Amino acid sequence: MRDTKESRLLLVLLIAIAFALITVDIRGGRNSPVDGARQAAATVFGPVEDGLSSAVDPVGNAVSAIRDSGERHSRLATLEKENAALKAKLGSDDRSRSRLNQLDSMMKLAGEGQYGIKGAQVVAIGSAQGFSWTITIDVGASDGIKRDMTVLNADGLVGRVTTVGPDTSTVLLANDPDFTVGTRMEGSDELGFASGQGDRPLRVQLLNGKAEVKKGDRLVTFGSESDKPFVPGVPVGVVSRVDPSGGGLTRTLYVTPYVSFTKLDIVGVVVQAPKKDPRDEVLPSKPKPVPTPTVTVTVTPSTGANQGGGQSDQSQSDQSQSDQSRSDPSQTDEPQTDQQR
């Protein structure tokens, strides 16, 4: 249709008629004069609308599903993040509790030995100095740490400080082959020197080749001059094997250290030595021996055995009476003859 003056007037007229019909329909309500026309239109165009609806609904459902899927995915991602954060928090709490327990035990050991210690955390293992058994701790010169200070934890001797930086320090562990510490045997006071052997027990050379040593004996640090690098009385380990004495000047034994050098976390640097040697006071309590139960077996004779025993006793009684009769003629039942009388 051309855009002419007549077409414009016709369009305006149709719009006016449409508004007029809408007004009449609204005012008429249920009795609207155009209700019949509406029903006729519904009859004609209803199937077409249903068809179009059937064709369009899958698309709409797909769009809705995609939208809902996105929302579910977003919610799932949020829940996963919340769970991860909760697990991290729980893990952190467990680790914090473990560290607090280690710190409490270490403070108890330091209190028993009267050691002034500076707590530290292991932040690295190994060092740039090679493949030696070392750890790096998060305290240094700014914390009062100096070279050749004793390092311990809740179990016993860890090592000694070898390098000090402003905020970190390097500790040579007691199981390093270059590590040597003077030791003293509990009770006997036998002196020796313990050396590290990596992941094997410490090797101890006792100065007394005839010293009496047995498996289970315990050792502590003997201490150094001016308490550097070692303070006295720190638990070292337990004797696990003793080499036979060959009549030499020294005796070799092997000691399982108290400290697990692959599980270090919280340690303490001894910044103040004790005023007196704690001797064996810092050693852990010895485990109490478990008594061996004694089993008592009581044999009860059976009924048959009792009956048999009774018959045997009766037979013995009869035999005794028979022997007595033979020895005493007056006890026999035979009549005596006149000659005998």
Protein backbone atom coordinates (compact mmCIF):
# COMPACT_ATOMS: atom_id res chain seq x y z
CA MET A 1 0.00 0.00 0.00
CA ARG A 2 1.21 3.40 -0.96
CA ASP A 3 1.75 5.99 1.67
CA THR A 4 -0.94 8.42 0.55
CA LYS A 5 -3.36 10.75 2.27
CA GLU A 6 -6.19 8.26 1.79
CA SER A 7 -4.21 5.37 3.32
CA ARG A 8 -3.35 7.48 6.33
CA LEU A 9 -7.00 8.43 6.83
CA LEU A 10 -7.99 4.76 6.54
CA LEU A 11 -5.39 3.78 9.18
CA VAL A 12 -6.64 6.47 11.55
CA LEU A 13 -10.21 5.34 10.98
CA LEU A 14 -9.36 1.68 11.74
CA ILE A 15 -7.54 2.66 14.92
CA ALA A 16 -10.53 4.76 16.02
CA ILE A 17 -12.87 1.84 15.33
CA ALA A 18 -10.59 -0.51 17.34
CA PHE A 19 -10.58 1.83 20.34
CA ALA A 20 -14.36 2.20 20.07
CA LEU A 21 -14.83 -1.59 20.07
CA ILE A 22 -12.48 -2.00 23.05
CA THR A 23 -14.42 0.65 24.95
CA VAL A 24 -17.78 -0.95 24.16
CA ASP A 25 -16.38 -4.41 25.13
CA ILE A 26 -15.08 -3.18 28.47
CA ARG A 27 -18.31 -1.37 29.35
CA GLY A 28 -20.48 -4.29 28.26
CA GLY A 29 -18.71 -6.84 30.52
CA ARG A 30 -20.25 -10.29 30.12
CA ASN A 31 -23.05 -8.86 27.88
CA SER A 32 -20.59 -7.28 25.48
CA PRO A 33 -21.99 -6.99 21.90
CA VAL A 34 -18.65 -8.21 20.54
CA ASP A 35 -18.57 -11.39 22.65
CA GLY A 36 -19.86 -13.44 19.75
CA ALA A 37 -17.14 -12.12 17.47
CA ARG A 38 -14.54 -12.93 20.10
CA GLN A 39 -15.69 -16.54 20.41
CA ALA A 40 -15.73 -16.90 16.63
CA ALA A 41 -12.17 -15.59 16.47
CA ALA A 42 -11.12 -17.97 19.24
CA THR A 43 -12.63 -20.86 17.30
CA VAL A 44 -10.75 -19.91 14.17
CA PHE A 45 -7.39 -18.85 15.62
CA GLY A 46 -7.26 -21.14 18.72
CA PRO A 47 -5.73 -24.19 16.93
CA VAL A 48 -3.18 -21.92 15.30
CA GLU A 49 -2.17 -20.52 18.70
CA ASP A 50 -1.87 -24.04 20.17
CA GLY A 51 0.35 -25.09 17.32
CA LEU A 52 2.55 -22.07 17.69
CA SER A 53 2.69 -22.65 21.47
CA SER A 54 3.72 -26.28 20.98
CA ALA A 55 6.46 -25.19 18.63
CA VAL A 56 7.71 -22.41 20.88
CA ASP A 57 7.46 -24.19 24.29
CA PRO A 58 10.53 -26.48 23.81
CA VAL A 59 12.62 -23.45 22.98
CA GLY A 60 11.34 -21.62 26.03
CA ASN A 61 11.87 -24.69 28.22
CA ALA A 62 15.38 -25.06 26.90
CA VAL A 63 16.13 -21.41 27.62
CA SER A 64 14.67 -21.80 31.12
CA ALA A 65 16.67 -24.99 31.70
CA ILE A 66 19.86 -23.27 30.62
CA ARG A 67 19.11 -20.35 32.92
CA ASP A 68 18.31 -22.71 35.83
CA SER A 69 21.38 -24.80 35.07
CA GLY A 70 23.54 -21.72 35.26
CA GLU A 71 22.00 -20.81 38.59
CA ARG A 72 22.52 -24.35 39.93
CA HIS A 73 26.09 -24.37 38.70
CA SER A 74 26.73 -21.02 40.36
CA ARG A 75 25.17 -22.28 43.61
CA LEU A 76 27.21 -25.49 43.44
CA ALA A 77 30.39 -23.52 42.89
CA THR A 78 29.51 -21.33 45.87
CA LEU A 79 28.90 -24.38 48.07
CA GLU A 80 32.17 -25.94 46.95
CA LYS A 81 34.01 -22.77 47.86
CA GLU A 82 32.30 -22.67 51.24
CA ASN A 83 33.17 -26.33 51.90
CA ALA A 84 36.77 -25.76 50.84
CA ALA A 85 37.00 -22.75 53.14
CA LEU A 86 35.48 -24.78 56.01
CA LYS A 87 37.87 -27.66 55.44
CA ALA A 88 40.79 -25.25 55.34
CA LYS A 89 39.59 -23.71 58.59
CA LEU A 90 39.18 -27.10 60.24
CA GLY A 91 42.58 -28.18 58.99
CA SER A 92 44.08 -24.98 60.26
CA ASP A 93 42.41 -25.50 63.63
CA ASP A 94 43.74 -29.07 63.86
CA ARG A 95 47.21 -27.89 62.96
CA SER A 96 46.97 -25.06 65.47
CA ARG A 97 45.92 -27.51 68.18
CA SER A 98 48.84 -29.78 67.28
CA ARG A 99 51.26 -26.87 67.46
CA LEU A 100 49.85 -25.73 70.78
CA ASN A 101 50.32 -29.23 72.17
CA GLN A 102 53.92 -29.30 70.91
CA LEU A 103 54.58 -25.88 72.39
CA ASP A 104 53.07 -26.86 75.75
CA SER A 105 55.18 -30.03 75.91
CA MET A 106 58.32 -28.13 74.93
CA MET A 107 57.68 -25.48 77.58
CA LYS A 108 57.25 -28.23 80.15
CA LEU A 109 60.60 -29.76 79.17
CA ALA A 110 62.25 -26.32 79.28
CA GLY A 111 60.77 -25.71 82.72
CA GLU A 112 62.11 -29.01 84.06
CA GLY A 113 65.60 -28.20 82.77
CA GLN A 114 65.40 -24.48 83.62
CA TYR A 115 66.22 -23.56 80.02
CA GLY A 116 65.33 -20.12 78.69
CA ILE A 117 64.08 -20.79 75.17
CA LYS A 118 62.88 -18.83 72.16
CA GLY A 119 60.10 -20.66 70.32
CA ALA A 120 60.40 -21.00 66.55
CA GLN A 121 58.72 -22.68 63.61
CA VAL A 122 60.45 -24.75 60.95
CA VAL A 123 59.93 -23.01 57.62
CA ALA A 124 62.23 -25.05 55.38
CA ILE A 125 64.37 -28.17 55.30
CA GLY A 126 67.81 -28.42 53.78
CA SER A 127 69.86 -25.39 52.89
CA ALA A 128 72.00 -23.83 50.21
CA GLN A 129 75.05 -25.27 51.95
CA GLY A 130 74.62 -28.72 50.41
CA PHE A 131 72.76 -31.91 51.15
CA SER A 132 73.33 -31.84 54.91
CA TRP A 133 70.59 -32.52 57.43
CA THR A 134 69.51 -28.97 58.24
CA ILE A 135 66.37 -26.96 58.83
CA THR A 136 65.57 -23.26 58.61
CA ILE A 137 63.64 -21.62 61.45
CA ASP A 138 61.82 -18.29 61.50
CA VAL A 139 63.91 -16.54 64.18
CA GLY A 140 67.23 -14.78 63.74
CA ALA A 141 69.56 -12.11 65.04
CA SER A 142 66.67 -9.69 65.59
CA ASP A 143 65.24 -12.25 68.05
CA GLY A 144 68.48 -12.65 69.99
CA ILE A 145 69.60 -15.83 68.23
CA LYS A 146 73.34 -16.44 67.96
CA ARG A 147 75.57 -19.07 66.40
CA ASP A 148 76.21 -22.28 68.42
CA MET A 149 73.01 -22.23 70.44
CA THR A 150 71.31 -25.50 71.42
CA VAL A 151 68.03 -26.32 69.66
CA LEU A 152 65.48 -28.70 71.21
CA ASN A 153 61.82 -29.61 71.01
CA ALA A 154 59.32 -31.40 73.20
CA ASP A 155 61.18 -34.73 72.77
CA GLY A 156 64.81 -33.74 73.21
CA LEU A 157 67.90 -32.61 71.32
CA VAL A 158 67.24 -31.32 67.78
CA GLY A 159 70.63 -29.77 66.88
CA ARG A 160 72.60 -26.56 67.04
CA VAL A 161 72.44 -23.18 65.28
CA THR A 162 75.11 -22.84 62.57
CA THR A 163 74.09 -19.77 60.55
CA VAL A 164 72.14 -16.71 61.70
CA GLY A 165 70.39 -14.18 59.49
CA PRO A 166 68.35 -11.12 60.45
CA ASP A 167 65.05 -13.06 60.66
CA THR A 168 65.94 -16.73 60.04
CA SER A 169 68.55 -19.22 61.20
CA THR A 170 69.96 -22.55 59.98
CA VAL A 171 70.08 -25.49 62.37
CA LEU A 172 72.35 -28.52 61.88
CA LEU A 173 70.37 -31.57 62.99
CA ALA A 174 71.80 -34.09 65.44
CA ASN A 175 71.59 -36.92 62.89
CA ASP A 176 73.89 -35.16 60.41
CA PRO A 177 77.22 -37.00 59.85
CA ASP A 178 79.09 -33.77 60.72
CA PHE A 179 77.28 -33.45 64.05
CA THR A 180 78.97 -34.49 67.32
CA VAL A 181 77.76 -33.95 70.88
CA GLY A 182 79.11 -35.00 74.27
CA THR A 183 76.82 -37.42 76.12
CA ARG A 184 76.41 -38.75 79.62
CA MET A 185 74.82 -42.07 80.53
CA GLU A 186 71.92 -42.01 82.96
CA GLY A 187 72.82 -43.44 86.33
CA SER A 188 76.37 -44.58 85.59
CA ASP A 189 77.52 -41.14 84.33
CA GLU A 190 79.67 -42.80 81.65
CA LEU A 191 80.80 -40.17 79.15
CA GLY A 192 80.98 -40.44 75.38
CA PHE A 193 80.52 -38.71 72.06
CA ALA A 194 77.48 -39.20 69.81
CA SER A 195 77.70 -38.70 66.04
CA GLY A 196 74.90 -38.56 63.46
CA GLN A 197 74.42 -41.24 60.81
CA GLY A 198 71.58 -39.83 58.74
CA ASP A 199 68.48 -42.00 58.97
CA ARG A 200 70.29 -44.60 61.11
CA PRO A 201 70.72 -44.54 64.91
CA LEU A 202 73.33 -42.26 66.47
CA ARG A 203 76.76 -43.82 66.97
CA VAL A 204 78.20 -43.29 70.44
CA GLN A 205 81.80 -43.89 71.49
CA LEU A 206 82.08 -44.37 75.26
CA LEU A 207 85.37 -43.28 76.78
CA ASN A 208 85.39 -46.32 79.05
CA GLY A 209 85.88 -49.49 77.00
CA LYS A 210 84.82 -51.65 79.97
CA ALA A 211 81.67 -49.72 80.77
CA GLU A 212 78.63 -51.85 81.56
CA VAL A 213 75.91 -50.83 79.13
CA LYS A 214 72.70 -52.58 78.19
CA LYS A 215 69.89 -52.05 75.74
CA GLY A 216 67.38 -49.48 77.04
CA ASP A 217 69.91 -47.27 78.84
CA ARG A 218 69.37 -43.55 78.23
CA LEU A 219 71.67 -40.65 77.42
CA VAL A 220 71.57 -36.87 77.87
CA THR A 221 73.88 -34.10 76.68
CA PHE A 222 76.98 -33.61 78.82
CA GLY A 223 77.21 -29.91 78.06
CA SER A 224 79.94 -27.72 76.59
CA GLU A 225 82.23 -25.07 77.99
CA SER A 226 80.24 -21.87 78.56
CA ASP A 227 77.16 -23.91 77.49
CA LYS A 228 77.99 -23.46 73.79
CA PRO A 229 77.09 -25.15 71.59
CA PHE A 230 75.31 -27.51 74.02
CA VAL A 231 73.66 -27.05 77.37
CA PRO A 232 73.64 -30.04 79.77
CA GLY A 233 70.81 -32.45 80.50
CA VAL A 234 68.93 -32.42 77.19
CA PRO A 235 67.56 -35.92 76.35
CA VAL A 236 69.44 -37.54 73.46
CA GLY A 237 68.09 -41.07 73.05
CA VAL A 238 67.90 -44.72 74.12
CA VAL A 239 70.54 -47.41 73.59
CA SER A 240 69.29 -49.84 70.94
CA ARG A 241 72.45 -51.95 70.37
CA VAL A 242 75.81 -52.46 72.09
CA ASP A 243 78.86 -53.77 70.26
CA PRO A 244 80.73 -56.52 72.09
CA SER A 245 83.66 -55.23 74.10
CA GLY A 246 86.89 -56.07 72.30
CA GLY A 247 89.17 -54.91 75.06
CA GLY A 248 89.75 -51.53 73.38
CA LEU A 249 90.01 -48.18 75.02
CA THR A 250 86.47 -47.19 73.92
CA ARG A 251 83.17 -48.97 73.47
CA THR A 252 80.69 -48.45 70.65
CA LEU A 253 76.93 -48.39 71.05
CA TYR A 254 74.01 -47.23 68.94
CA VAL A 255 71.31 -44.92 70.21
CA THR A 256 67.81 -44.32 68.85
CA PRO A 257 67.20 -40.55 69.21
CA TYR A 258 64.12 -39.26 70.97
CA VAL A 259 63.54 -36.69 68.21
CA SER A 260 62.01 -37.67 64.86
CA PHE A 261 64.04 -35.51 62.49
CA THR A 262 61.56 -35.90 59.63
CA LYS A 263 58.62 -34.52 61.64
CA LEU A 264 59.91 -31.22 62.97
CA ASP A 265 57.55 -28.27 63.28
CA ILE A 266 57.85 -26.35 66.57
CA VAL A 267 61.33 -26.06 68.12
CA GLY A 268 63.00 -23.94 70.76
CA VAL A 269 66.39 -22.23 70.76
CA VAL A 270 68.04 -22.16 74.20
CA VAL A 271 68.94 -18.49 74.67
CA GLN A 272 69.63 -18.85 78.40
CA ALA A 273 71.44 -21.85 79.91
CA PRO A 274 70.34 -23.34 83.26
CA LYS A 275 72.13 -22.15 86.40
CA LYS A 276 72.93 -25.75 87.34
CA ASP A 277 73.12 -29.06 85.50
CA PRO A 278 69.64 -30.66 85.54
CA ARG A 279 71.31 -34.10 85.29
CA ASP A 280 68.60 -36.68 84.51
CA GLU A 281 65.58 -34.62 85.57
CA VAL A 282 64.53 -33.81 82.01
CA LEU A 283 64.40 -37.44 80.85
CA PRO A 284 60.87 -38.78 80.36
CA SER A 285 59.44 -41.14 82.95
CA LYS A 286 60.35 -44.76 82.39
CA PRO A 287 57.45 -46.98 81.38
CA LYS A 288 56.25 -49.17 84.22
CA PRO A 289 56.87 -52.89 83.63
CA VAL A 290 53.73 -54.88 82.97
CA PRO A 291 53.47 -57.79 85.46
CA THR A 292 53.33 -61.26 83.93
CA PRO A 293 50.10 -63.00 84.97
CA THR A 294 50.57 -66.27 86.95
CA VAL A 295 48.26 -69.11 86.00
CA THR A 296 47.48 -71.74 88.68
CA VAL A 297 46.06 -75.05 87.46
CA THR A 298 44.01 -77.11 89.96
CA VAL A 299 43.28 -80.75 89.07
CA THR A 300 39.94 -82.08 90.35
CA PRO A 301 39.66 -85.94 90.46
CA SER A 302 36.71 -87.41 88.61
CA THR A 303 33.97 -89.58 90.21
CA GLY A 304 35.30 -92.78 88.68
CA ALA A 305 38.72 -92.09 90.06
CA ASN A 306 37.24 -91.55 93.55
CA GLN A 307 35.38 -94.85 93.37
CA GLY A 308 38.48 -96.63 92.20
CA GLY A 309 40.44 -95.07 95.02
CA GLY A 310 37.84 -96.21 97.55
CA GLN A 311 38.03 -99.78 96.31
CA SER A 312 41.79 -99.69 96.49
CA ASP A 313 41.65 -98.47 100.07
CA GLN A 314 39.24 -101.27 100.98
CA SER A 315 41.53 -103.85 99.38
CA GLN A 316 44.47 -102.52 101.32
CA SER A 317 42.41 -102.77 104.57
CA ASP A 318 41.42 -106.38 103.85
CA GLN A 319 45.01 -107.30 103.05
CA SER A 320 46.17 -105.76 106.34
CA GLN A 321 43.62 -107.74 108.33
CA SER A 322 44.69 -110.96 106.59
CA ASP A 323 48.33 -110.38 107.43
CA GLN A 324 47.41 -109.70 111.06
CA SER A 325 45.41 -112.93 111.25
CA ARG A 326 48.33 -114.96 109.99
CA SER A 327 50.60 -113.45 112.60
CA ASP A 328 48.09 -113.99 115.50
CA PRO A 329 46.63 -117.53 115.63
CA SER A 330 43.99 -116.47 118.10
CA GLN A 331 42.39 -114.40 115.36
CA THR A 332 41.73 -117.44 113.09
CA ASP A 333 38.28 -118.95 112.80
CA GLU A 334 39.45 -122.65 112.76
CA PRO A 335 38.55 -124.74 115.92
CA GLN A 336 41.45 -125.76 118.16
CA THR A 337 42.12 -129.44 118.84
CA ASP A 338 42.34 -130.99 122.33
CA GLN A 339 46.05 -131.38 121.98
CA GLN A 340 46.33 -127.75 121.27
CA ARG A 341 44.28 -127.03 124.33
